[in-house]
Each structure stands twice: as structure tokens, then as C-alpha cells.
């Protein structure tokens, strides 16, 4: 095998099908469950179109 041919990876993952699903999904604010709410780090993201690049 050589790097140019690529690699194959296999990962065995156990799934417990005996537990009751809890849903997960999105919260009321659109964030996945378990994600803390509030303002994101760095403040509120900007809105609108990005500024145009400078013209030379």
C-alpha cells in the first residue's frame, strides 16, 4: 500500500437498541439540544450582506 492509493478506515460502533430514544433535535432557538443559550462568544453576529471588497 502506498499513500497515493489512499487508505481505508473501519470503525466498529456499538448501538444500544434497548434504550428509549430521547429525541435530541433542535431547541426553540434553533440550536441543538445541550448547547448553552445566550449571546455567542464575541457578541451578536453581524446581519446583512458583507461589505464589498476594496477596488484597486
N, C-alpha and C. Protein backbone atom coordinates (compact mmCIF):
# COMPACT_ATOMS: atom_id res chain seq x y z
N UNK A 1 0.85 -1.18 0.00
CA UNK A 1 0.00 0.00 0.00
C UNK A 1 0.90 1.24 0.00
N UNK A 2 0.48 2.24 -0.74
CA UNK A 2 1.21 3.49 -0.75
C UNK A 2 0.22 4.64 -0.56
N UNK A 3 0.72 5.81 -0.21
CA UNK A 3 -0.11 6.97 0.09
C UNK A 3 -0.97 7.36 -1.11
N UNK A 4 -0.47 7.26 -2.31
CA UNK A 4 -1.22 7.65 -3.49
C UNK A 4 -2.48 6.78 -3.69
N UNK A 5 -2.46 5.55 -3.19
CA UNK A 5 -3.60 4.65 -3.34
C UNK A 5 -4.71 4.97 -2.35
N UNK A 6 -4.41 5.70 -1.29
CA UNK A 6 -5.41 6.05 -0.29
C UNK A 6 -5.45 5.05 0.85
N UNK A 7 -6.34 5.29 1.78
CA UNK A 7 -6.47 4.45 2.95
C UNK A 7 -7.93 4.07 3.15
N UNK A 8 -8.15 2.96 3.81
CA UNK A 8 -9.49 2.54 4.20
C UNK A 8 -9.51 2.47 5.72
N UNK A 9 -10.56 3.04 6.32
CA UNK A 9 -10.68 3.04 7.77
C UNK A 9 -12.00 2.38 8.13
N UNK A 10 -11.99 1.55 9.15
CA UNK A 10 -13.20 0.93 9.65
C UNK A 10 -13.29 1.19 11.14
N UNK A 11 -14.48 1.51 11.58
CA UNK A 11 -14.71 1.82 12.99
C UNK A 11 -15.96 1.07 13.43
N UNK A 12 -15.77 0.15 14.38
CA UNK A 12 -16.91 -0.59 14.91
C UNK A 12 -17.53 0.23 16.04
N UNK A 13 -18.84 0.47 15.93
CA UNK A 13 -19.56 1.26 16.92
C UNK A 13 -20.73 0.45 17.44
N UNK A 14 -20.79 0.28 18.75
CA UNK A 14 -21.91 -0.43 19.35
C UNK A 14 -23.10 0.50 19.51
N UNK A 15 -24.29 -0.02 19.24
CA UNK A 15 -25.52 0.76 19.39
C UNK A 15 -26.44 0.01 20.33
N UNK A 16 -26.83 0.68 21.42
CA UNK A 16 -27.74 0.07 22.38
C UNK A 16 -29.17 0.33 21.92
N UNK A 17 -29.80 -0.67 21.34
CA UNK A 17 -31.16 -0.51 20.84
C UNK A 17 -32.20 -0.77 21.92
N UNK A 18 -31.75 -1.08 23.14
CA UNK A 18 -32.68 -1.37 24.22
C UNK A 18 -33.09 -0.15 25.02
N UNK A 19 -32.49 1.00 24.77
CA UNK A 19 -32.85 2.21 25.50
C UNK A 19 -33.93 2.98 24.76
N UNK A 20 -34.68 3.77 25.51
CA UNK A 20 -35.73 4.59 24.92
C UNK A 20 -35.11 5.84 24.31
N UNK A 21 -35.41 6.15 23.04
CA UNK A 21 -34.88 7.37 22.42
C UNK A 21 -35.35 8.61 23.19
N UNK A 22 -34.46 9.60 23.29
CA UNK A 22 -34.82 10.83 24.00
C UNK A 22 -35.06 11.99 23.06
N UNK A 23 -34.89 11.81 21.78
CA UNK A 23 -35.25 12.86 20.82
C UNK A 23 -34.09 13.67 20.32
N UNK A 24 -33.37 14.37 21.20
CA UNK A 24 -32.34 15.28 20.71
C UNK A 24 -33.02 16.43 20.00
N UNK A 25 -32.69 16.65 18.76
CA UNK A 25 -33.37 17.66 17.96
C UNK A 25 -32.95 19.08 18.30
N UNK A 26 -33.72 20.04 17.79
CA UNK A 26 -33.42 21.45 17.97
C UNK A 26 -34.29 22.05 19.05
N UNK A 27 -33.72 22.99 19.79
CA UNK A 27 -34.47 23.72 20.80
C UNK A 27 -35.27 24.83 20.16
N UNK A 28 -35.94 25.61 20.97
CA UNK A 28 -36.77 26.70 20.47
C UNK A 28 -35.98 27.77 19.75
N UNK A 29 -34.67 27.88 20.06
CA UNK A 29 -33.85 28.91 19.41
C UNK A 29 -33.12 28.37 18.18
N UNK A 30 -33.40 27.12 17.79
CA UNK A 30 -32.77 26.54 16.62
C UNK A 30 -31.44 25.86 16.89
N UNK A 31 -30.95 25.96 18.14
CA UNK A 31 -29.68 25.32 18.49
C UNK A 31 -29.93 23.86 18.88
N UNK A 32 -28.97 22.96 18.63
CA UNK A 32 -29.14 21.58 19.06
C UNK A 32 -29.31 21.50 20.57
N UNK A 33 -30.01 20.47 21.04
CA UNK A 33 -30.20 20.33 22.47
C UNK A 33 -28.84 20.13 23.15
N UNK A 34 -28.70 20.66 24.34
CA UNK A 34 -27.45 20.55 25.08
C UNK A 34 -26.50 21.71 24.84
N UNK A 35 -26.79 22.55 23.87
CA UNK A 35 -25.94 23.70 23.58
C UNK A 35 -26.39 24.86 24.46
N UNK A 36 -25.46 25.51 25.17
CA UNK A 36 -25.87 26.62 26.02
C UNK A 36 -26.47 27.76 25.20
N UNK A 37 -27.46 28.43 25.77
CA UNK A 37 -28.10 29.52 25.07
C UNK A 37 -27.39 30.83 25.32
N UNK A 38 -27.98 31.90 24.89
CA UNK A 38 -27.41 33.22 25.12
C UNK A 38 -26.64 33.74 23.93
N UNK A 39 -25.99 34.86 24.12
CA UNK A 39 -25.21 35.50 23.06
C UNK A 39 -23.94 34.70 22.81
N UNK A 40 -23.58 34.44 21.56
CA UNK A 40 -22.37 33.68 21.28
C UNK A 40 -21.12 34.47 21.67
N UNK A 41 -20.00 33.76 21.90
CA UNK A 41 -18.75 34.46 22.21
C UNK A 41 -18.42 35.47 21.11
N UNK A 42 -17.99 36.64 21.49
CA UNK A 42 -17.65 37.67 20.51
C UNK A 42 -18.82 38.59 20.22
N UNK A 43 -19.97 38.36 20.84
CA UNK A 43 -21.11 39.23 20.63
C UNK A 43 -22.06 38.71 19.59
N UNK A 44 -23.04 39.50 19.28
CA UNK A 44 -24.05 39.14 18.30
C UNK A 44 -23.45 39.17 16.89
N UNK A 45 -23.69 38.12 16.09
CA UNK A 45 -23.14 38.11 14.74
C UNK A 45 -23.72 39.24 13.89
N UNK A 46 -22.97 39.73 12.92
CA UNK A 46 -23.47 40.80 12.06
C UNK A 46 -24.62 40.30 11.18
N UNK A 47 -25.45 41.22 10.75
CA UNK A 47 -26.54 40.89 9.83
C UNK A 47 -26.34 41.61 8.53
N UNK A 48 -27.05 41.20 7.51
CA UNK A 48 -26.96 41.86 6.21
C UNK A 48 -25.83 41.32 5.37
N UNK A 49 -25.67 41.91 4.20
CA UNK A 49 -24.65 41.49 3.26
C UNK A 49 -23.27 41.95 3.73
N UNK A 50 -22.23 41.17 3.45
CA UNK A 50 -20.88 41.58 3.82
C UNK A 50 -20.46 42.81 3.00
N UNK A 51 -19.52 43.59 3.52
CA UNK A 51 -19.08 44.76 2.76
C UNK A 51 -18.36 44.35 1.47
N UNK A 52 -18.43 45.19 0.48
CA UNK A 52 -17.76 44.92 -0.80
C UNK A 52 -16.25 45.04 -0.62
N UNK A 53 -15.48 44.20 -1.31
CA UNK A 53 -14.03 44.31 -1.21
C UNK A 53 -13.55 45.62 -1.82
N UNK A 54 -12.41 46.11 -1.37
CA UNK A 54 -11.90 47.37 -1.93
C UNK A 54 -11.55 47.19 -3.40
N UNK A 55 -11.78 48.23 -4.17
CA UNK A 55 -11.40 48.18 -5.59
C UNK A 55 -10.05 48.87 -5.77
N UNK A 56 -9.23 48.27 -6.58
CA UNK A 56 -7.88 48.83 -6.81
C UNK A 56 -7.84 49.67 -8.06
